[in-house]
Every structure is written in structure tokens, then in C-alpha cells.
């Protein structure tokens, strides 16, 4: 796992203990999700996007919820495309 993800996870653990920092926590969930998605760790990224969406829902952050609703289908699109490509690569010539 990259040092960037490890650093963000450390920040995440710290922010989870400070309820008043939920906005910063939300942004950190998004950043981790994006880094993991970019490194093709789709199932891990989905968990962070869902955690962010749930956090925003809990705090009534409509914009944050909307971003989660955007990022989750984006994850699913990438995951399905990578699945298709891996199946194509396994097909006999």
C-alpha cells in the first residue's frame, strides 16, 4: 500500500475521534477512495466512498451525499470494465 494511503489512513483514525471535524473526515474518506480507485483497488475504494456517503447523510450534508452518489457508480463502472477486460484476456485467441 502506498505511503500516501497510509498517511491518509493515519489522519482518518485521528479525525474519527473528533466529532466536530466530520467535514475534514469526509474529505479524507474521499481522498483515500480516489487514491485506491486510481491504483485499481476498487473494492477497497468503494468502502471509503460508502463511509463518506453515510457520514454526510448522518450530518445532513446534501452535497457530500451527492458526491458519494456520483463516486459509487463511478467505482462500479471501473470495476465492471476491469472485469470485462480480464475476461477478454482469458479468452482463447
N, C-alpha and C. Protein backbone atom coordinates (compact mmCIF):
# COMPACT_ATOMS: atom_id res chain seq x y z
N UNK A 1 0.84 -1.17 0.00
CA UNK A 1 0.00 0.00 0.00
C UNK A 1 0.89 1.24 0.00
N UNK A 2 0.48 2.25 -0.69
CA UNK A 2 1.33 3.43 -0.85
C UNK A 2 1.44 4.22 0.46
N UNK A 3 2.52 4.96 0.56
CA UNK A 3 2.72 5.78 1.76
C UNK A 3 1.65 6.87 1.84
N UNK A 4 1.13 7.30 0.68
CA UNK A 4 0.08 8.32 0.69
C UNK A 4 -1.18 7.76 1.36
N UNK A 5 -1.55 6.54 1.02
CA UNK A 5 -2.74 5.92 1.62
C UNK A 5 -2.51 5.72 3.11
N UNK A 6 -1.34 5.25 3.49
CA UNK A 6 -1.04 5.05 4.91
C UNK A 6 -1.13 6.36 5.69
N UNK A 7 -0.61 7.42 5.10
CA UNK A 7 -0.67 8.73 5.75
C UNK A 7 -2.12 9.19 5.90
N UNK A 8 -2.92 9.01 4.84
CA UNK A 8 -4.33 9.40 4.91
C UNK A 8 -5.11 8.56 5.91
N UNK A 9 -4.77 7.27 6.01
CA UNK A 9 -5.46 6.41 6.99
C UNK A 9 -5.12 6.82 8.42
N UNK A 10 -3.88 7.24 8.64
CA UNK A 10 -3.49 7.72 9.97
C UNK A 10 -4.28 8.98 10.31
N UNK A 11 -4.40 9.88 9.35
CA UNK A 11 -5.19 11.10 9.55
C UNK A 11 -6.65 10.73 9.80
N UNK A 12 -7.16 9.75 9.08
CA UNK A 12 -8.53 9.30 9.22
C UNK A 12 -8.80 8.81 10.64
N UNK A 13 -7.92 7.98 11.17
CA UNK A 13 -8.09 7.45 12.53
C UNK A 13 -8.14 8.59 13.55
N UNK A 14 -7.30 9.58 13.35
CA UNK A 14 -7.28 10.74 14.25
C UNK A 14 -8.60 11.52 14.16
N UNK A 15 -9.07 11.77 12.95
CA UNK A 15 -10.29 12.55 12.76
C UNK A 15 -11.54 11.82 13.25
N UNK A 16 -11.52 10.50 13.21
CA UNK A 16 -12.68 9.73 13.68
C UNK A 16 -12.93 9.94 15.17
N UNK A 17 -11.93 10.39 15.89
CA UNK A 17 -12.07 10.62 17.33
C UNK A 17 -12.53 12.03 17.66
N UNK A 18 -12.69 12.89 16.64
CA UNK A 18 -13.07 14.29 16.87
C UNK A 18 -14.36 14.59 16.10
N UNK A 19 -15.51 14.42 16.75
CA UNK A 19 -16.79 14.59 16.03
C UNK A 19 -16.95 15.94 15.32
N UNK A 20 -16.37 16.99 15.85
CA UNK A 20 -16.52 18.31 15.23
C UNK A 20 -15.74 18.43 13.92
N UNK A 21 -14.88 17.48 13.62
CA UNK A 21 -14.07 17.51 12.39
C UNK A 21 -14.66 16.62 11.30
N UNK A 22 -15.99 16.42 11.31
CA UNK A 22 -16.60 15.48 10.37
C UNK A 22 -16.43 15.90 8.91
N UNK A 23 -16.38 17.21 8.64
CA UNK A 23 -16.17 17.66 7.25
C UNK A 23 -14.79 17.24 6.75
N UNK A 24 -13.80 17.43 7.58
CA UNK A 24 -12.44 17.03 7.21
C UNK A 24 -12.35 15.50 7.10
N UNK A 25 -13.08 14.81 7.97
CA UNK A 25 -13.15 13.35 7.90
C UNK A 25 -13.76 12.92 6.56
N UNK A 26 -14.82 13.60 6.15
CA UNK A 26 -15.47 13.30 4.87
C UNK A 26 -14.49 13.47 3.71
N UNK A 27 -13.76 14.56 3.72
CA UNK A 27 -12.79 14.82 2.66
C UNK A 27 -11.69 13.75 2.64
N UNK A 28 -11.31 13.27 3.81
CA UNK A 28 -10.27 12.25 3.91
C UNK A 28 -10.78 10.92 3.37
N UNK A 29 -12.04 10.57 3.68
CA UNK A 29 -12.65 9.37 3.09
C UNK A 29 -12.59 9.45 1.56
N UNK A 30 -12.96 10.62 1.03
CA UNK A 30 -12.96 10.80 -0.43
C UNK A 30 -11.55 10.64 -1.00
N UNK A 31 -10.58 11.27 -0.37
CA UNK A 31 -9.20 11.20 -0.87
C UNK A 31 -8.68 9.77 -0.88
N UNK A 32 -8.94 9.03 0.20
CA UNK A 32 -8.48 7.64 0.25
C UNK A 32 -9.18 6.83 -0.84
N UNK A 33 -10.48 7.03 -0.98
CA UNK A 33 -11.24 6.31 -2.00
C UNK A 33 -10.70 6.57 -3.40
N UNK A 34 -10.38 7.81 -3.67
CA UNK A 34 -9.87 8.17 -5.00
C UNK A 34 -8.48 7.57 -5.24
N UNK A 35 -7.61 7.65 -4.24
CA UNK A 35 -6.26 7.07 -4.40
C UNK A 35 -6.36 5.57 -4.63
N UNK A 36 -7.22 4.89 -3.88
CA UNK A 36 -7.38 3.45 -4.05
C UNK A 36 -7.98 3.11 -5.40
N UNK A 37 -8.96 3.92 -5.84
CA UNK A 37 -9.57 3.70 -7.16
C UNK A 37 -8.52 3.86 -8.25
N UNK A 38 -7.71 4.90 -8.13
CA UNK A 38 -6.67 5.14 -9.13
C UNK A 38 -5.62 4.03 -9.17
N UNK A 39 -5.44 3.36 -8.04
CA UNK A 39 -4.49 2.24 -8.02
C UNK A 39 -5.21 0.90 -8.24
N UNK A 40 -6.45 0.99 -8.72
CA UNK A 40 -7.25 -0.16 -9.14
C UNK A 40 -7.63 -1.09 -7.99
N UNK A 41 -7.71 -0.56 -6.80
CA UNK A 41 -8.18 -1.31 -5.64
C UNK A 41 -9.65 -0.95 -5.42
N UNK A 42 -10.47 -1.39 -6.37
CA UNK A 42 -11.84 -0.92 -6.45
C UNK A 42 -12.70 -1.28 -5.24
N UNK A 43 -12.61 -2.50 -4.75
CA UNK A 43 -13.47 -2.88 -3.64
C UNK A 43 -13.10 -2.10 -2.38
N UNK A 44 -11.82 -1.83 -2.17
CA UNK A 44 -11.41 -1.02 -1.02
C UNK A 44 -11.90 0.41 -1.17
N UNK A 45 -11.80 0.95 -2.36
CA UNK A 45 -12.23 2.34 -2.58
C UNK A 45 -13.73 2.48 -2.35
N UNK A 46 -14.50 1.49 -2.74
CA UNK A 46 -15.95 1.53 -2.55
C UNK A 46 -16.31 1.69 -1.08
N UNK A 47 -15.60 0.99 -0.21
CA UNK A 47 -15.87 1.10 1.23
C UNK A 47 -15.69 2.51 1.74
N UNK A 48 -14.65 3.19 1.27
CA UNK A 48 -14.41 4.57 1.72
C UNK A 48 -15.45 5.54 1.15
N UNK A 49 -15.86 5.33 -0.10
CA UNK A 49 -16.91 6.18 -0.67
C UNK A 49 -18.23 5.99 0.08
N UNK A 50 -18.53 4.74 0.45
CA UNK A 50 -19.76 4.47 1.21
C UNK A 50 -19.68 5.06 2.62
N UNK A 51 -18.53 4.95 3.26
CA UNK A 51 -18.36 5.55 4.59
C UNK A 51 -18.57 7.06 4.52
N UNK A 52 -18.04 7.68 3.48
CA UNK A 52 -18.23 9.12 3.30
C UNK A 52 -19.70 9.46 3.08
N UNK A 53 -20.35 8.69 2.24
CA UNK A 53 -21.77 8.95 1.98
C UNK A 53 -22.59 8.81 3.27
N UNK A 54 -22.30 7.79 4.06
CA UNK A 54 -23.02 7.58 5.33
C UNK A 54 -22.75 8.72 6.31
N UNK A 55 -21.51 9.17 6.39
CA UNK A 55 -21.15 10.27 7.27
C UNK A 55 -21.90 11.54 6.86
N UNK A 56 -21.92 11.82 5.57
CA UNK A 56 -22.62 13.02 5.08
C UNK A 56 -24.12 12.92 5.33
N UNK A 57 -24.67 11.75 5.18
CA UNK A 57 -26.09 11.53 5.45
C UNK A 57 -26.39 11.80 6.93
N UNK A 58 -25.54 11.30 7.79
CA UNK A 58 -25.71 11.48 9.24
C UNK A 58 -25.73 12.96 9.62
N UNK A 59 -24.93 13.76 8.91
CA UNK A 59 -24.81 15.19 9.23
C UNK A 59 -25.67 16.08 8.32
N UNK A 60 -26.48 15.48 7.47
CA UNK A 60 -27.36 16.26 6.60
C UNK A 60 -26.63 17.05 5.52
N UNK A 61 -25.46 16.59 5.13
CA UNK A 61 -24.67 17.26 4.09
C UNK A 61 -25.12 16.75 2.72
N UNK A 62 -26.02 17.47 2.10
CA UNK A 62 -26.61 17.05 0.83
C UNK A 62 -25.56 17.01 -0.28
N UNK A 63 -24.66 17.98 -0.31
CA UNK A 63 -23.62 18.00 -1.35
C UNK A 63 -22.68 16.80 -1.19
N UNK A 64 -22.32 16.47 0.03
CA UNK A 64 -21.46 15.32 0.27
C UNK A 64 -22.13 14.02 -0.12
N UNK A 65 -23.43 13.92 0.17
CA UNK A 65 -24.18 12.74 -0.22
C UNK A 65 -24.22 12.62 -1.74
N UNK A 66 -24.41 13.75 -2.41
CA UNK A 66 -24.47 13.75 -3.88
C UNK A 66 -23.13 13.30 -4.46
N UNK A 67 -22.03 13.75 -3.88
CA UNK A 67 -20.72 13.33 -4.36
C UNK A 67 -20.56 11.83 -4.20
N UNK A 68 -20.99 11.30 -3.06
CA UNK A 68 -20.94 9.86 -2.84
C UNK A 68 -21.78 9.11 -3.87
N UNK A 69 -22.94 9.66 -4.17
CA UNK A 69 -23.80 9.02 -5.16
C UNK A 69 -23.17 9.07 -6.55
N UNK A 70 -22.29 10.03 -6.78
CA UNK A 70 -21.56 10.10 -8.04
C UNK A 70 -20.39 9.13 -8.05
N UNK A 71 -19.63 9.08 -6.95
CA UNK A 71 -18.41 8.28 -6.91
C UNK A 71 -18.69 6.78 -6.87
N UNK A 72 -19.76 6.36 -6.20
CA UNK A 72 -20.04 4.93 -6.11
C UNK A 72 -20.34 4.34 -7.49
N UNK A 73 -21.22 4.94 -8.30
CA UNK A 73 -21.41 4.40 -9.65
C UNK A 73 -20.14 4.45 -10.50
N UNK A 74 -19.31 5.46 -10.29
CA UNK A 74 -18.04 5.55 -11.00
C UNK A 74 -17.17 4.34 -10.65
N UNK A 75 -17.15 3.99 -9.37
CA UNK A 75 -16.43 2.79 -8.95
C UNK A 75 -16.99 1.56 -9.65
N UNK A 76 -18.31 1.42 -9.64
CA UNK A 76 -18.94 0.25 -10.25
C UNK A 76 -18.62 0.17 -11.73
N UNK A 77 -18.58 1.31 -12.40
CA UNK A 77 -18.25 1.35 -13.83
C UNK A 77 -16.83 0.83 -14.05
N UNK A 78 -15.88 1.33 -13.25
CA UNK A 78 -14.50 0.88 -13.39
C UNK A 78 -14.36 -0.60 -13.08
N UNK A 79 -15.06 -1.05 -12.06
CA UNK A 79 -14.96 -2.46 -11.67
C UNK A 79 -15.52 -3.35 -12.78
N UNK A 80 -16.67 -2.97 -13.34
CA UNK A 80 -17.25 -3.80 -14.39
C UNK A 80 -16.38 -3.79 -15.64
N UNK A 81 -15.79 -2.65 -15.96
CA UNK A 81 -14.90 -2.59 -17.12
C UNK A 81 -13.66 -3.45 -16.91
N UNK A 82 -13.09 -3.40 -15.72
CA UNK A 82 -11.90 -4.22 -15.49
C UNK A 82 -12.26 -5.69 -15.53
N UNK A 83 -13.46 -6.04 -15.07
CA UNK A 83 -13.91 -7.43 -15.15
C UNK A 83 -14.07 -7.88 -16.58
N UNK A 84 -14.61 -7.03 -17.42
CA UNK A 84 -14.78 -7.36 -18.84
C UNK A 84 -13.42 -7.55 -19.49
N UNK A 85 -12.48 -6.64 -19.21
CA UNK A 85 -11.17 -6.75 -19.82
C UNK A 85 -10.44 -8.00 -19.37
N UNK A 86 -10.60 -8.36 -18.09
CA UNK A 86 -9.91 -9.58 -17.63
C UNK A 86 -10.53 -10.81 -18.29
N UNK A 87 -11.84 -10.80 -18.51
CA UNK A 87 -12.48 -11.92 -19.21
C UNK A 87 -12.01 -12.00 -20.66
N UNK A 88 -11.88 -10.86 -21.30
CA UNK A 88 -11.42 -10.83 -22.68
C UNK A 88 -9.99 -11.38 -22.80
N UNK A 89 -9.17 -11.04 -21.81
CA UNK A 89 -7.78 -11.51 -21.83
C UNK A 89 -7.70 -13.03 -21.62
N UNK A 90 -8.70 -13.60 -20.97
CA UNK A 90 -8.69 -15.04 -20.72
C UNK A 90 -9.25 -15.85 -21.88
N UNK A 91 -9.90 -15.18 -22.84
CA UNK A 91 -10.48 -15.88 -23.98
C UNK A 91 -9.38 -16.45 -24.87
N UNK A 92 -9.56 -17.68 -25.35
CA UNK A 92 -8.56 -18.24 -26.27
C UNK A 92 -8.52 -17.45 -27.58
N UNK A 93 -7.32 -17.28 -28.08
CA UNK A 93 -7.02 -16.49 -29.25
C UNK A 93 -7.85 -16.64 -30.41
